[in-house]
N, C-alpha and C. Protein backbone atom coordinates (compact mmCIF):
# COMPACT_ATOMS: atom_id res chain seq x y z
N MET A 1 -7.04 4.31 20.85
CA MET A 1 -7.05 2.63 21.09
C MET A 1 -5.62 1.94 21.60
N ASN A 2 -6.09 0.97 22.24
CA ASN A 2 -4.69 0.33 23.10
C ASN A 2 -4.53 -0.81 22.38
N VAL A 3 -4.02 -1.52 21.32
CA VAL A 3 -3.96 -2.38 20.71
C VAL A 3 -2.89 -3.58 21.60
N THR A 4 -1.87 -3.32 22.17
CA THR A 4 -1.14 -4.07 23.22
C THR A 4 -1.52 -5.23 23.47
N GLY A 5 -1.24 -6.60 22.94
CA GLY A 5 -1.72 -7.79 23.31
C GLY A 5 -2.45 -8.36 22.53
N THR A 6 -3.16 -7.40 21.46
CA THR A 6 -4.20 -7.88 20.61
C THR A 6 -3.27 -8.92 19.77
N LYS A 7 -4.37 -9.97 19.59
CA LYS A 7 -4.04 -11.74 18.43
C LYS A 7 -3.91 -10.54 17.30
N ALA A 8 -3.26 -10.05 16.50
CA ALA A 8 -3.96 -9.75 15.18
C ALA A 8 -2.40 -9.09 14.48
N ARG A 9 -1.52 -10.14 15.33
CA ARG A 9 -0.40 -9.39 14.59
C ARG A 9 -0.62 -10.08 13.00
N ILE A 10 0.69 -9.44 12.08
CA ILE A 10 0.41 -10.01 10.72
C ILE A 10 1.50 -10.58 9.85
N ALA A 11 2.10 -10.94 8.78
CA ALA A 11 3.18 -11.07 8.54
C ALA A 11 3.19 -11.17 6.97
N PHE A 12 4.38 -9.87 6.71
CA PHE A 12 4.47 -9.43 5.31
C PHE A 12 5.52 -10.41 4.47
N LYS A 13 5.69 -11.34 4.49
CA LYS A 13 6.47 -11.61 3.45
C LYS A 13 7.45 -11.43 2.09
N ASN A 14 6.34 -11.25 1.82
CA ASN A 14 6.97 -10.36 0.19
C ASN A 14 6.03 -9.32 0.12
N ILE A 15 6.97 -7.78 -0.60
CA ILE A 15 6.52 -6.60 -0.98
C ILE A 15 6.22 -6.69 -2.10
N MET A 16 5.47 -6.00 -2.98
CA MET A 16 5.98 -5.35 -4.29
C MET A 16 5.56 -4.09 -4.10
N PHE A 17 6.70 -3.16 -4.87
CA PHE A 17 6.57 -2.09 -5.41
C PHE A 17 6.55 -1.65 -6.74
N GLY A 18 5.02 -0.99 -7.44
CA GLY A 18 5.12 -0.92 -8.48
C GLY A 18 5.41 0.65 -8.66
N THR A 19 6.34 0.80 -9.71
CA THR A 19 6.99 2.12 -10.25
C THR A 19 6.94 2.73 -11.56
N ASP A 20 7.00 3.82 -12.20
CA ASP A 20 7.44 3.81 -13.31
C ASP A 20 8.62 4.73 -13.19
N LEU A 21 9.64 5.01 -11.90
CA LEU A 21 10.89 5.03 -12.14
C LEU A 21 10.38 6.46 -11.97
N SER A 22 9.20 6.99 -11.66
CA SER A 22 9.68 8.66 -11.90
C SER A 22 9.91 8.99 -10.79
N TYR A 23 9.93 10.62 -10.60
CA TYR A 23 10.74 11.14 -9.37
C TYR A 23 9.45 10.84 -8.42
N LEU A 24 8.11 10.87 -8.65
CA LEU A 24 7.04 11.05 -8.14
C LEU A 24 6.35 10.17 -7.53
N ALA A 25 6.78 8.74 -8.63
CA ALA A 25 6.56 7.38 -8.08
C ALA A 25 7.55 7.15 -6.98
N ASP A 26 8.61 7.46 -6.92
CA ASP A 26 9.31 7.14 -5.90
C ASP A 26 9.14 7.68 -4.76
N ALA A 27 7.77 8.31 -4.26
CA ALA A 27 7.48 8.91 -2.48
C ALA A 27 7.06 7.50 -2.02
N GLY A 28 6.82 6.41 -2.53
CA GLY A 28 6.30 5.29 -1.87
C GLY A 28 7.81 4.10 -1.65
N MET A 29 9.10 4.45 -1.62
CA MET A 29 9.94 3.70 -1.04
C MET A 29 10.19 3.69 0.03
N PRO A 30 10.16 5.60 0.64
CA PRO A 30 10.68 4.78 2.45
C PRO A 30 10.10 3.83 2.88
N TYR A 31 8.54 3.96 2.57
CA TYR A 31 7.47 2.88 3.16
C TYR A 31 7.74 1.57 3.14
N VAL A 32 7.94 1.41 1.65
CA VAL A 32 8.64 0.25 1.48
C VAL A 32 9.82 -0.58 2.23
N LEU A 33 10.36 0.53 2.05
CA LEU A 33 12.01 0.12 2.64
C LEU A 33 11.39 -0.30 4.84
N GLU A 34 10.89 0.75 4.23
CA GLU A 34 10.36 0.67 6.49
C GLU A 34 9.50 -0.77 6.59
N MET A 35 8.56 -1.01 5.91
CA MET A 35 7.65 -1.91 5.95
C MET A 35 8.95 -3.52 5.93
N ALA A 36 9.71 -3.20 4.65
CA ALA A 36 10.59 -4.78 4.31
C ALA A 36 11.25 -4.89 5.99
N LYS A 37 11.91 -3.64 6.49
CA LYS A 37 12.68 -3.84 7.66
C LYS A 37 12.22 -4.32 9.09
N LEU A 38 10.71 -3.76 9.00
CA LEU A 38 9.69 -4.19 10.33
C LEU A 38 9.55 -5.48 10.04
N TYR A 39 9.20 -6.23 9.37
CA TYR A 39 8.54 -7.79 8.49
C TYR A 39 9.38 -8.50 8.21
N GLY A 40 10.51 -7.96 8.31
CA GLY A 40 11.65 -9.04 7.92
C GLY A 40 11.66 -9.78 5.96
N ALA A 41 10.86 -8.77 5.17
CA ALA A 41 10.41 -8.90 4.12
C ALA A 41 11.38 -9.03 2.78
N LYS A 42 11.20 -9.73 1.78
CA LYS A 42 11.35 -9.32 0.39
C LYS A 42 10.88 -8.19 -0.07
N VAL A 43 11.36 -7.80 -1.07
CA VAL A 43 11.10 -6.50 -1.53
C VAL A 43 11.17 -7.28 -3.08
N TYR A 44 9.66 -6.95 -4.10
CA TYR A 44 9.79 -6.59 -5.41
C TYR A 44 9.52 -5.53 -5.93
N ALA A 45 10.71 -5.11 -6.99
CA ALA A 45 10.09 -3.62 -7.15
C ALA A 45 9.93 -4.07 -8.64
N VAL A 46 8.75 -2.83 -9.50
CA VAL A 46 8.26 -3.79 -10.51
C VAL A 46 8.08 -2.61 -11.23
N HIS A 47 9.01 -2.57 -12.37
CA HIS A 47 8.48 -1.39 -13.35
C HIS A 47 7.83 -2.12 -15.06
N VAL A 48 6.58 -1.47 -15.16
CA VAL A 48 6.14 -2.17 -16.36
C VAL A 48 6.07 -1.41 -17.66
N ARG A 49 6.99 -1.86 -19.02
CA ARG A 49 7.28 -1.01 -20.01
C ARG A 49 6.38 -1.30 -20.85
N HIS A 50 6.25 0.02 -22.03
CA HIS A 50 5.14 -0.94 -23.32
C HIS A 50 6.36 -1.52 -24.12
N ARG A 51 5.28 -2.32 -24.22
CA ARG A 51 5.56 -3.88 -25.34
C ARG A 51 6.87 -2.92 -26.41
N GLY A 52 8.12 -3.46 -26.77
CA GLY A 52 8.81 -2.93 -27.97
C GLY A 52 9.50 -1.40 -27.52
N ALA A 53 9.25 -0.83 -26.76
CA ALA A 53 9.59 0.44 -26.08
C ALA A 53 10.98 0.71 -26.11
N ALA A 54 12.07 1.01 -26.26
CA ALA A 54 13.52 1.30 -26.75
C ALA A 54 13.90 1.81 -25.13
N TRP A 55 15.06 0.89 -24.42
CA TRP A 55 15.34 1.33 -23.36
C TRP A 55 15.95 2.54 -23.73
N ASP A 56 16.66 3.56 -22.79
CA ASP A 56 17.24 4.61 -22.80
C ASP A 56 17.79 4.94 -21.65
N ARG A 57 18.81 5.96 -21.56
CA ARG A 57 19.70 5.50 -20.26
C ARG A 57 19.18 6.27 -19.38
N PRO A 58 18.06 7.45 -19.04
CA PRO A 58 17.45 7.61 -18.08
C PRO A 58 16.65 6.75 -17.48
N GLU A 59 16.45 5.50 -18.23
CA GLU A 59 15.06 4.57 -17.62
C GLU A 59 16.19 3.69 -16.63
N GLN A 60 17.45 3.24 -17.78
CA GLN A 60 18.51 2.37 -17.06
C GLN A 60 19.09 2.71 -15.75
N SER A 61 19.95 4.30 -16.32
CA SER A 61 19.79 5.15 -14.25
C SER A 61 19.02 4.90 -13.47
N ALA A 62 18.11 4.81 -13.49
CA ALA A 62 16.80 4.83 -12.74
C ALA A 62 16.34 3.39 -12.07
N VAL A 63 16.93 1.94 -12.76
CA VAL A 63 16.88 0.78 -12.50
C VAL A 63 17.98 0.71 -11.63
N THR A 64 19.48 1.12 -11.89
CA THR A 64 20.24 1.08 -11.36
C THR A 64 19.92 1.74 -9.74
N SER A 65 19.70 2.61 -10.16
CA SER A 65 19.55 3.98 -8.69
C SER A 65 18.10 3.07 -7.68
N LEU A 66 17.34 2.09 -8.31
CA LEU A 66 16.34 1.64 -7.14
C LEU A 66 17.15 0.20 -6.56
N GLN A 67 17.73 -0.27 -7.64
CA GLN A 67 18.68 -2.02 -7.15
C GLN A 67 19.40 -1.33 -5.65
N GLU A 68 20.13 0.28 -6.21
CA GLU A 68 21.16 0.59 -4.85
C GLU A 68 20.24 0.62 -3.79
N ARG A 69 19.00 1.69 -3.59
CA ARG A 69 18.37 2.09 -2.55
C ARG A 69 17.71 0.74 -1.76
N MET A 70 17.67 -0.18 -2.55
CA MET A 70 17.21 -1.67 -1.70
C MET A 70 17.97 -1.87 -0.98
N LYS A 71 19.77 -2.09 -1.33
CA LYS A 71 20.48 -3.05 -1.14
C LYS A 71 20.69 -3.39 0.02
N ASP A 72 20.12 -2.83 0.92
CA ASP A 72 19.96 -3.38 2.98
C ASP A 72 18.53 -4.38 2.98
N VAL A 73 17.94 -4.88 1.87
CA VAL A 73 16.82 -5.35 2.37
C VAL A 73 16.92 -6.24 1.42
N PRO A 74 16.27 -7.69 1.43
CA PRO A 74 16.59 -8.59 0.54
C PRO A 74 15.47 -8.28 -0.95
N HIS A 75 15.66 -8.05 -1.98
CA HIS A 75 15.16 -7.41 -3.05
C HIS A 75 15.34 -8.15 -4.45
N GLU A 76 14.62 -7.90 -5.64
CA GLU A 76 14.35 -8.53 -6.66
C GLU A 76 13.91 -6.98 -7.73
N VAL A 77 14.30 -6.80 -8.38
CA VAL A 77 13.93 -5.92 -9.87
C VAL A 77 13.61 -6.53 -10.78
N LEU A 78 12.21 -6.20 -11.34
CA LEU A 78 11.49 -7.20 -12.22
C LEU A 78 11.20 -5.87 -12.67
N VAL A 79 11.69 -6.07 -14.68
CA VAL A 79 11.17 -5.20 -15.19
C VAL A 79 10.00 -6.19 -16.61
N GLU A 80 9.28 -5.67 -16.90
CA GLU A 80 8.12 -6.36 -17.48
C GLU A 80 7.54 -5.89 -18.49
N GLU A 81 7.05 -6.42 -19.67
CA GLU A 81 6.39 -5.47 -20.61
C GLU A 81 4.79 -6.03 -21.07
N GLY A 82 3.97 -5.06 -21.43
CA GLY A 82 2.90 -5.45 -21.24
C GLY A 82 1.58 -4.07 -20.37
N ASP A 83 0.68 -4.73 -20.16
CA ASP A 83 -0.44 -3.81 -19.42
C ASP A 83 -0.26 -3.87 -18.11
N VAL A 84 -0.08 -2.64 -17.62
CA VAL A 84 0.11 -2.43 -16.03
C VAL A 84 -1.10 -3.31 -15.05
N GLN A 85 -2.21 -3.31 -15.49
CA GLN A 85 -2.99 -3.78 -14.49
C GLN A 85 -3.00 -5.30 -14.49
N PRO A 86 -3.04 -5.83 -15.34
CA PRO A 86 -2.86 -7.69 -15.81
C PRO A 86 -1.63 -7.63 -15.20
N THR A 87 -0.44 -7.31 -15.76
CA THR A 87 0.90 -7.51 -15.29
C THR A 87 0.85 -7.51 -13.66
N LEU A 88 0.69 -6.31 -12.82
CA LEU A 88 0.70 -6.46 -11.45
C LEU A 88 0.22 -7.23 -11.16
N LEU A 89 -1.16 -8.15 -11.33
CA LEU A 89 -2.37 -9.00 -10.78
C LEU A 89 -1.67 -10.11 -11.07
N ARG A 90 -1.13 -10.63 -12.23
CA ARG A 90 -0.38 -12.09 -12.42
C ARG A 90 1.48 -12.03 -11.34
N LEU A 91 1.74 -10.81 -11.46
CA LEU A 91 2.90 -10.96 -10.35
C LEU A 91 2.30 -10.83 -9.05
N MET A 92 1.42 -10.93 -8.56
CA MET A 92 1.08 -10.65 -6.93
C MET A 92 0.37 -12.00 -6.93
N VAL A 93 0.24 -13.22 -7.56
CA VAL A 93 -0.03 -14.23 -7.42
C VAL A 93 1.17 -14.88 -7.83
N GLU A 94 2.03 -14.91 -8.73
CA GLU A 94 3.04 -16.09 -9.50
C GLU A 94 4.62 -15.65 -7.82
N LYS A 95 4.06 -13.93 -7.18
CA LYS A 95 5.47 -14.14 -6.15
C LYS A 95 4.73 -14.19 -4.73
N ASN A 96 3.76 -14.53 -4.69
CA ASN A 96 3.10 -14.68 -3.16
C ASN A 96 3.09 -13.45 -2.48
N ILE A 97 3.07 -12.33 -2.97
CA ILE A 97 2.81 -10.56 -3.49
C ILE A 97 1.84 -10.79 -1.04
N ASP A 98 2.07 -10.34 -0.37
CA ASP A 98 1.21 -10.09 0.84
C ASP A 98 0.88 -8.35 0.83
N LEU A 99 1.91 -7.68 0.42
CA LEU A 99 1.31 -6.09 0.45
C LEU A 99 1.94 -5.26 -0.88
N ALA A 100 0.99 -4.63 -1.97
CA ALA A 100 1.43 -4.29 -3.14
C ALA A 100 1.48 -2.41 -2.58
N VAL A 101 2.30 -1.74 -2.55
CA VAL A 101 2.66 -0.48 -2.76
C VAL A 101 2.98 0.23 -3.69
N VAL A 102 2.26 1.39 -4.36
CA VAL A 102 1.77 1.97 -5.19
C VAL A 102 1.77 3.52 -5.12
N SER A 103 2.38 4.00 -5.86
CA SER A 103 2.33 6.16 -5.78
C SER A 103 1.26 6.40 -6.91
N THR A 104 0.81 7.28 -6.48
CA THR A 104 -0.72 7.61 -7.36
C THR A 104 -0.69 8.90 -7.98
N HIS A 105 0.38 9.63 -8.01
CA HIS A 105 0.49 10.17 -8.44
C HIS A 105 2.04 10.98 -9.43
N GLY A 106 2.33 9.91 -9.98
CA GLY A 106 3.26 10.41 -11.12
C GLY A 106 2.72 10.94 -12.44
N ARG A 107 3.29 10.99 -13.28
CA ARG A 107 2.75 12.07 -14.13
C ARG A 107 2.82 11.11 -15.44
N THR A 108 3.01 10.01 -15.78
CA THR A 108 3.20 8.95 -16.51
C THR A 108 3.11 7.51 -16.50
N GLY A 109 2.76 6.27 -17.02
CA GLY A 109 3.25 5.21 -16.55
C GLY A 109 2.45 5.09 -15.81
N LEU A 110 2.75 4.08 -14.70
CA LEU A 110 2.07 3.53 -13.92
C LEU A 110 1.29 4.65 -13.17
N GLY A 111 2.18 5.64 -12.80
CA GLY A 111 1.59 6.99 -11.46
C GLY A 111 0.48 7.05 -12.51
N ARG A 112 0.15 7.72 -13.30
CA ARG A 112 -0.62 7.90 -14.22
C ARG A 112 -1.81 7.41 -14.44
N VAL A 113 -1.75 6.32 -14.68
CA VAL A 113 -3.18 5.30 -14.56
C VAL A 113 -3.99 4.67 -13.47
N LEU A 114 -2.76 4.75 -12.46
CA LEU A 114 -3.36 4.40 -11.00
C LEU A 114 -4.54 5.39 -10.90
N LEU A 115 -4.24 6.37 -11.27
CA LEU A 115 -5.57 7.43 -11.04
C LEU A 115 -6.61 7.59 -11.69
N GLY A 116 -7.13 6.11 -12.43
CA GLY A 116 -8.66 6.00 -13.02
C GLY A 116 -8.77 4.61 -12.92
N SER A 117 -9.75 3.96 -14.21
CA SER A 117 -10.02 2.93 -13.97
C SER A 117 -9.10 1.53 -13.66
N VAL A 118 -7.90 1.84 -14.23
CA VAL A 118 -6.57 0.95 -14.04
C VAL A 118 -6.67 0.88 -12.16
N ALA A 119 -6.24 1.58 -11.84
CA ALA A 119 -6.46 1.71 -10.15
C ALA A 119 -7.47 0.97 -9.25
N GLU A 120 -8.62 1.23 -10.06
CA GLU A 120 -10.23 0.61 -9.24
C GLU A 120 -10.03 -0.83 -9.76
N GLY A 121 -9.50 -1.30 -11.07
CA GLY A 121 -9.20 -2.51 -11.33
C GLY A 121 -8.15 -3.53 -10.77
N ILE A 122 -7.33 -2.27 -9.72
CA ILE A 122 -5.74 -3.30 -9.44
C ILE A 122 -6.50 -3.55 -7.62
N PHE A 123 -6.78 -2.52 -7.50
CA PHE A 123 -7.53 -2.74 -5.97
C PHE A 123 -8.63 -3.68 -6.05
N ARG A 124 -9.43 -4.01 -6.49
CA ARG A 124 -10.82 -5.01 -7.12
C ARG A 124 -9.99 -6.28 -6.94
N GLY A 125 -8.95 -6.36 -7.60
CA GLY A 125 -8.26 -7.50 -7.87
C GLY A 125 -7.29 -8.45 -7.65
N ALA A 126 -6.74 -7.38 -7.22
CA ALA A 126 -5.47 -7.94 -6.00
C ALA A 126 -5.64 -8.78 -4.51
N PRO A 127 -4.51 -9.69 -5.19
CA PRO A 127 -5.63 -10.92 -3.73
C PRO A 127 -4.52 -10.44 -2.07
N CYS A 128 -4.51 -9.10 -2.33
CA CYS A 128 -3.17 -8.66 -0.90
C CYS A 128 -3.94 -7.25 -0.86
N PRO A 129 -3.19 -6.77 0.16
CA PRO A 129 -3.90 -4.93 0.71
C PRO A 129 -3.14 -4.48 0.01
N VAL A 130 -3.44 -3.39 -0.81
CA VAL A 130 -2.57 -2.41 -1.41
C VAL A 130 -2.72 -0.80 -1.01
N LEU A 131 -1.17 -0.40 -0.41
CA LEU A 131 -1.10 1.02 0.04
C LEU A 131 -1.03 1.59 -1.27
N THR A 132 -1.42 3.13 -1.07
CA THR A 132 -0.94 3.47 -2.15
C THR A 132 -0.61 4.69 -1.35
N VAL A 133 0.33 5.73 -2.39
CA VAL A 133 1.05 6.99 -1.38
C VAL A 133 0.77 7.87 -2.50
N GLY A 134 -0.29 8.81 -2.05
CA GLY A 134 -0.79 9.89 -2.92
C GLY A 134 0.26 11.31 -2.97
N PRO A 135 -0.52 12.45 -3.47
CA PRO A 135 -0.14 13.68 -3.82
C PRO A 135 0.50 14.38 -2.73
N HIS A 136 -0.56 14.44 -1.55
CA HIS A 136 -0.15 15.67 -0.91
C HIS A 136 0.87 15.00 0.38
N LEU A 137 1.59 13.96 -0.33
CA LEU A 137 2.50 13.25 0.69
C LEU A 137 3.77 14.24 1.14
N VAL A 138 4.00 14.15 2.55
CA VAL A 138 4.95 15.21 3.29
C VAL A 138 6.21 14.71 2.37
N ARG A 139 6.91 15.33 1.66
CA ARG A 139 8.50 14.45 0.89
C ARG A 139 9.10 13.99 1.38
N ASP A 140 9.50 14.49 2.82
CA ASP A 140 11.04 14.27 3.84
C ASP A 140 10.77 13.15 4.47
N PRO A 141 11.83 11.99 3.38
CA PRO A 141 12.24 11.08 3.58
C PRO A 141 11.84 10.28 5.41
N GLN A 142 12.46 10.97 6.00
CA GLN A 142 12.25 10.88 7.57
C GLN A 142 10.88 10.75 8.14
N TRP A 143 10.37 11.38 7.47
CA TRP A 143 8.84 11.43 8.11
C TRP A 143 8.30 9.64 8.15
N ALA A 144 8.58 9.82 6.81
CA ALA A 144 7.61 8.01 6.28
C ALA A 144 8.22 6.95 7.26
N LEU A 145 9.29 7.17 7.82
CA LEU A 145 10.16 6.17 8.96
C LEU A 145 8.98 6.48 10.56
N LYS A 146 8.39 7.42 10.70
CA LYS A 146 8.37 7.51 11.87
C LYS A 146 6.08 7.45 11.91
N ILE A 147 5.99 6.42 11.90
CA ILE A 147 4.71 6.44 12.03
C ILE A 147 4.01 6.30 12.90
N LYS A 148 3.16 7.85 13.68
CA LYS A 148 2.36 7.51 15.06
C LYS A 148 1.21 7.39 15.40
N GLU A 149 0.54 7.92 14.12
CA GLU A 149 -1.00 7.85 13.92
C GLU A 149 -1.45 7.41 12.62
N ILE A 150 -2.37 6.46 13.14
CA ILE A 150 -2.74 5.59 12.13
C ILE A 150 -4.48 5.61 12.26
N LEU A 151 -4.80 5.82 10.79
CA LEU A 151 -6.39 5.97 10.80
C LEU A 151 -7.19 5.08 10.49
N TYR A 152 -7.88 3.77 11.00
CA TYR A 152 -8.66 3.27 10.37
C TYR A 152 -10.20 3.39 10.18
N ALA A 153 -10.17 3.66 8.95
CA ALA A 153 -12.10 3.91 8.82
C ALA A 153 -12.56 2.99 8.38
N THR A 154 -13.87 2.52 9.05
CA THR A 154 -14.98 1.83 8.26
C THR A 154 -16.40 2.18 8.79
N ASP A 155 -16.92 0.73 7.78
CA ASP A 155 -18.39 1.70 7.92
C ASP A 155 -19.50 0.30 8.83
N MET A 156 -18.59 -0.28 9.35
CA MET A 156 -19.04 -1.49 10.48
C MET A 156 -19.46 -2.65 9.97
N THR A 157 -19.31 -2.63 9.10
CA THR A 157 -19.92 -4.02 8.23
C THR A 157 -18.62 -5.41 8.19
N PRO A 158 -19.16 -6.46 8.11
CA PRO A 158 -18.27 -7.83 7.85
C PRO A 158 -16.92 -7.12 6.89
N ALA A 159 -17.47 -6.72 5.72
CA ALA A 159 -16.51 -6.18 4.71
C ALA A 159 -15.52 -5.73 5.22
N SER A 160 -15.49 -5.08 5.87
CA SER A 160 -14.41 -3.98 6.59
C SER A 160 -13.64 -4.52 7.85
N ASP A 161 -13.80 -5.68 8.11
CA ASP A 161 -13.18 -6.16 9.35
C ASP A 161 -11.92 -6.79 8.81
N GLY A 162 -11.48 -6.95 7.16
CA GLY A 162 -10.23 -7.40 6.67
C GLY A 162 -9.58 -6.43 6.95
N ALA A 163 -9.65 -5.60 6.59
CA ALA A 163 -8.74 -3.95 7.12
C ALA A 163 -8.18 -3.88 8.30
N ALA A 164 -9.11 -4.69 9.34
CA ALA A 164 -8.89 -4.09 11.11
C ALA A 164 -7.59 -4.55 10.92
N LYS A 165 -7.28 -6.19 10.93
CA LYS A 165 -6.10 -6.32 11.42
C LYS A 165 -4.72 -6.34 11.04
N TYR A 166 -4.85 -5.63 9.66
CA TYR A 166 -3.74 -4.47 9.23
C TYR A 166 -3.21 -3.35 9.69
N ALA A 167 -4.50 -2.53 10.27
CA ALA A 167 -4.21 -1.46 10.97
C ALA A 167 -3.85 -1.41 12.55
N ILE A 168 -4.47 -2.34 13.00
CA ILE A 168 -3.61 -3.47 14.39
C ILE A 168 -2.15 -3.41 14.33
N SER A 169 -1.63 -4.70 13.58
CA SER A 169 -0.56 -4.66 13.12
C SER A 169 0.42 -3.58 12.62
N LEU A 170 -0.14 -2.50 12.10
CA LEU A 170 0.39 -1.73 11.88
C LEU A 170 1.14 -1.11 13.41
N ALA A 171 -0.17 -0.69 13.91
CA ALA A 171 0.09 0.24 15.19
C ALA A 171 1.18 -0.81 15.96
N GLN A 172 0.95 -1.89 16.26
CA GLN A 172 1.85 -2.66 16.77
C GLN A 172 3.05 -2.60 16.70
N GLU A 173 3.47 -2.68 15.45
CA GLU A 173 4.68 -2.45 15.10
C GLU A 173 5.62 -1.39 15.26
N ASN A 174 4.55 -0.45 15.06
CA ASN A 174 5.22 0.88 14.91
C ASN A 174 4.88 1.98 16.68
N GLN A 175 4.64 1.34 17.28
CA GLN A 175 3.77 1.45 18.66
C GLN A 175 3.33 2.87 18.58
N ALA A 176 2.27 2.68 17.79
CA ALA A 176 1.70 3.45 16.74
C ALA A 176 -0.17 4.08 17.59
N ARG A 177 -0.83 5.12 18.02
CA ARG A 177 -2.01 4.92 17.92
C ARG A 177 -2.74 5.12 16.46
N LEU A 178 -3.73 3.91 17.29
CA LEU A 178 -4.94 4.25 16.43
C LEU A 178 -6.06 4.39 16.80
N THR A 179 -6.44 4.98 15.85
CA THR A 179 -7.76 5.58 15.77
C THR A 179 -8.84 5.01 14.63
N ILE A 180 -10.26 4.52 15.49
CA ILE A 180 -11.15 3.92 14.29
C ILE A 180 -12.15 5.15 14.15
N LEU A 181 -12.58 5.34 13.03
CA LEU A 181 -13.34 6.32 12.37
C LEU A 181 -14.20 5.75 11.77
N ASN A 182 -15.92 5.98 12.08
CA ASN A 182 -17.05 5.43 10.94
C ASN A 182 -17.83 7.03 11.33
N VAL A 183 -18.05 7.04 10.14
CA VAL A 183 -19.42 8.60 10.12
C VAL A 183 -20.64 7.42 9.02
N GLN A 184 -21.50 8.46 10.20
CA GLN A 184 -23.31 8.00 9.70
C GLN A 184 -23.60 9.18 9.29
N PRO A 185 -24.40 8.66 8.47
CA PRO A 185 -25.24 10.14 7.63
C PRO A 185 -26.16 10.19 8.55
N PRO A 186 -26.43 11.83 8.70
CA PRO A 186 -27.40 12.52 9.86
C PRO A 186 -29.16 11.47 10.00
N PRO A 187 -29.46 11.04 10.99
CA PRO A 187 -30.60 10.51 11.31
C PRO A 187 -31.60 11.41 10.76
N LYS A 188 -32.58 10.70 9.70
CA LYS A 188 -33.62 10.90 9.47
C LYS A 188 -34.64 11.94 10.61
N THR A 189 -35.78 12.80 10.02
CA THR A 189 -36.68 13.43 11.27
C THR A 189 -37.62 12.15 12.10
N GLY A 190 -37.33 11.99 13.00
CA GLY A 190 -38.23 10.65 14.17
C GLY A 190 -37.41 9.46 14.07
N GLU A 191 -35.93 9.50 12.99
CA GLU A 191 -35.52 8.35 13.47
C GLU A 191 -34.37 8.31 14.12
N LEU A 192 -34.35 6.56 15.12
CA LEU A 192 -33.52 6.64 16.04
C LEU A 192 -32.35 6.15 15.60
N ILE A 193 -31.40 6.44 16.85
CA ILE A 193 -29.84 5.76 16.14
C ILE A 193 -29.89 4.12 17.15
N GLU A 194 -29.99 3.70 16.27
CA GLU A 194 -29.49 2.30 17.21
C GLU A 194 -28.35 1.58 17.60
N SER A 195 -28.28 1.58 18.82
CA SER A 195 -26.86 1.57 19.79
C SER A 195 -26.44 0.15 18.80
N GLU A 196 -26.82 -0.29 18.77
CA GLU A 196 -26.50 -2.54 18.35
C GLU A 196 -25.73 -2.45 17.12
N HIS A 197 -25.76 -1.39 16.83
CA HIS A 197 -25.51 -1.27 15.31
C HIS A 197 -23.28 -1.19 15.61
N TYR A 198 -23.42 -0.49 16.65
CA TYR A 198 -21.75 -0.16 17.40
C TYR A 198 -21.57 -1.39 18.49
N ALA A 199 -22.42 -2.22 18.81
CA ALA A 199 -22.02 -3.25 20.00
C ALA A 199 -21.03 -4.32 19.78
N THR A 200 -21.06 -4.28 18.10
CA THR A 200 -20.17 -5.65 17.91
C THR A 200 -18.98 -5.16 17.20
N ALA A 201 -18.98 -4.06 17.03
CA ALA A 201 -17.95 -3.16 16.88
C ALA A 201 -16.52 -3.09 17.24
N THR A 202 -15.88 -4.34 17.62
CA THR A 202 -15.03 -4.03 18.19
C THR A 202 -14.05 -4.53 17.28
N ILE A 203 -12.62 -4.58 18.47
CA ILE A 203 -11.29 -4.95 17.63
C ILE A 203 -10.48 -5.63 18.25
């Protein structure tokens, strides 16, 4: 799909990166940095700790490393204590977050809980889009900086229209090819496919 000239560009001014500081959760960082550079955004890296947990040297080292990796973009590292879901949702509002990025395959902390009901709560409660980085991501950082193909899956309902402008904007900013996918259940015997369902499904 050619999206050149489409008036759907969006602005990301504040990006949240939720991390448990693990190696696996770090997979989302290349995307965060590239998005920040593309859109001139500030990055808020958020680490949520258990209340009263003692700081250890590896955790302190991970925070320092996080600061170093984000040195080329405006950023702020926030270390909070409490429950992951309400803490992230609160910060999304307080910091006017436009995009949240989380990895969903850490073994502990944020990465682990995002695999269950907490993830659903964040997705449903977030006032902004949530980009998740899954367990089958190619780990070459350079790959993450070359977005060439974007898949926009839609059920062709008004509720899915909100994601369209983000898909188009990402395709524009990255000069990427945008593919629109709609999967329909097989028609029942004698049932006709109504073409008008697709007539207004344009972006």
